[in-house]
Amino acid sequence: LPDEIRIPHDHAVFLTGVLREFLTNGQKHGHADSYVVILMGDSAHIRLEVVDNGKSDFDSSNEEGRIQKGFGLKKMITYAQRCGGKTSFVNENGFHGMVELPIVIGE
């Protein structure tokens, strides 16, 4: 990211927890042993994506129930929505999780 882009401290702490949660869930629920972590940003957003090679049964038919029962994904959704960001979770040939948050230039 360019130097003039500042990630709010709360966002940085949150994204650290998101990464930890994605890695833990991938191993615990999907038995993943390979991960791709992508952190990117522009002048308005920062995005963290994690893709693993796990074999979870998480899919669109059980997504809502799984999210409501679990704490980690629900917390990601709540924080992102509160900040004006977004999340997505897809399980196709491994799990792909994404959290995107707004950022401000020059604070």
Protein backbone atom coordinates (compact mmCIF):
# COMPACT_ATOMS: atom_id res chain seq x y z
CA LEU A 1 0.00 0.00 0.00
CA PRO A 2 1.24 3.54 -0.65
CA ASP A 3 2.62 5.36 2.40
CA GLU A 4 -0.24 7.88 2.47
CA ILE A 5 -2.80 5.14 3.06
CA ARG A 6 -3.28 4.44 6.75
CA ILE A 7 -5.07 1.39 8.03
CA PRO A 8 -6.94 2.22 11.24
CA HIS A 9 -5.54 0.38 14.24
CA ASP A 10 -8.88 -1.33 14.91
CA HIS A 11 -8.93 -2.63 11.31
CA ALA A 12 -5.37 -3.94 11.61
CA VAL A 13 -6.15 -5.78 14.85
CA PHE A 14 -9.37 -7.14 13.35
CA LEU A 15 -7.69 -8.35 10.13
CA THR A 16 -5.00 -10.10 12.19
CA GLY A 17 -7.76 -11.99 13.96
CA VAL A 18 -9.49 -12.72 10.64
CA LEU A 19 -6.32 -14.28 9.25
CA ARG A 20 -5.90 -16.38 12.39
CA GLU A 21 -9.54 -17.50 12.18
CA PHE A 22 -9.32 -18.47 8.50
CA LEU A 23 -6.15 -20.48 9.10
CA THR A 24 -7.55 -22.19 12.21
CA ASN A 25 -10.88 -23.00 10.54
CA GLY A 26 -9.13 -24.35 7.46
CA GLN A 27 -7.10 -26.79 9.53
CA LYS A 28 -9.77 -27.64 12.12
CA HIS A 29 -12.81 -28.02 9.86
CA GLY A 30 -11.34 -28.70 6.43
CA HIS A 31 -8.02 -30.37 7.30
CA ALA A 32 -6.29 -27.92 4.93
CA ASP A 33 -2.54 -28.06 4.57
CA SER A 34 -2.03 -25.36 1.97
CA TYR A 35 -3.08 -21.70 2.05
CA VAL A 36 -2.86 -18.66 -0.19
CA VAL A 37 -3.09 -15.34 1.66
CA ILE A 38 -3.71 -12.16 -0.33
CA LEU A 39 -3.66 -8.70 1.22
CA MET A 40 -4.39 -5.86 -1.17
CA GLY A 41 -5.63 -2.33 -0.99
CA ASP A 42 -6.40 0.79 -2.93
CA SER A 43 -7.20 4.34 -1.91
CA ALA A 44 -10.58 3.33 -0.49
CA HIS A 45 -10.39 -0.32 0.71
CA ILE A 46 -8.22 -3.01 2.17
CA ARG A 47 -9.01 -6.63 1.36
CA LEU A 48 -7.82 -9.85 2.96
CA GLU A 49 -8.46 -13.11 1.13
CA VAL A 50 -7.48 -16.58 2.25
CA VAL A 51 -7.88 -19.66 0.07
CA ASP A 52 -7.16 -23.16 1.36
CA ASN A 53 -7.30 -26.70 0.03
CA GLY A 54 -9.57 -28.04 2.78
CA LYS A 55 -12.42 -30.50 2.37
CA SER A 56 -15.23 -28.92 4.38
CA ASP A 57 -18.95 -29.51 3.86
CA PHE A 58 -19.64 -25.74 4.22
CA ASP A 59 -21.87 -24.68 1.29
CA SER A 60 -24.76 -22.40 0.36
CA SER A 61 -27.33 -24.84 1.78
CA ASN A 62 -25.87 -24.76 5.31
CA GLU A 63 -23.98 -21.45 5.29
CA GLU A 64 -26.50 -19.45 7.30
CA GLY A 65 -26.80 -22.05 10.05
CA ARG A 66 -23.05 -22.57 10.23
CA ILE A 67 -22.40 -18.83 10.51
CA GLN A 68 -25.04 -18.38 13.21
CA LYS A 69 -23.69 -21.32 15.25
CA GLY A 70 -20.08 -20.21 14.98
CA PHE A 71 -18.50 -17.16 16.51
CA GLY A 72 -15.66 -16.37 14.10
CA LEU A 73 -17.45 -15.89 10.78
CA LYS A 74 -20.35 -14.11 12.47
CA LYS A 75 -17.91 -11.67 14.10
CA MET A 76 -16.27 -11.01 10.71
CA ILE A 77 -19.63 -10.23 9.10
CA THR A 78 -20.77 -7.99 11.97
CA TYR A 79 -17.56 -5.94 12.07
CA ALA A 80 -17.38 -5.55 8.29
CA GLN A 81 -21.01 -4.46 8.03
CA ARG A 82 -20.63 -2.01 10.89
CA CYS A 83 -17.66 -0.41 9.10
CA GLY A 84 -19.31 -0.32 5.68
CA GLY A 85 -17.28 -3.28 4.40
CA LYS A 86 -18.21 -6.70 3.10
CA THR A 87 -17.43 -10.39 3.44
CA SER A 88 -17.79 -13.50 1.32
CA PHE A 89 -17.26 -17.18 2.01
CA VAL A 90 -17.21 -19.83 -0.73
CA ASN A 91 -16.30 -23.50 -0.49
CA GLU A 92 -15.38 -24.80 -3.94
CA ASN A 93 -12.21 -26.87 -4.26
CA GLY A 94 -11.24 -25.53 -0.85
CA PHE A 95 -12.50 -22.64 1.23
CA HIS A 96 -12.18 -19.03 0.03
CA GLY A 97 -12.83 -16.32 2.61
CA MET A 98 -12.72 -12.58 1.93
CA VAL A 99 -13.08 -9.51 4.15
CA GLU A 100 -12.96 -6.02 2.68
CA LEU A 101 -12.94 -2.85 4.80
CA PRO A 102 -12.98 0.85 3.91
CA ILE A 103 -9.88 2.93 4.69
CA VAL A 104 -9.06 6.63 4.64
CA ILE A 105 -6.13 8.39 2.98
CA GLY A 106 -3.80 10.52 5.10
CA GLU A 107 -5.16 10.17 8.63
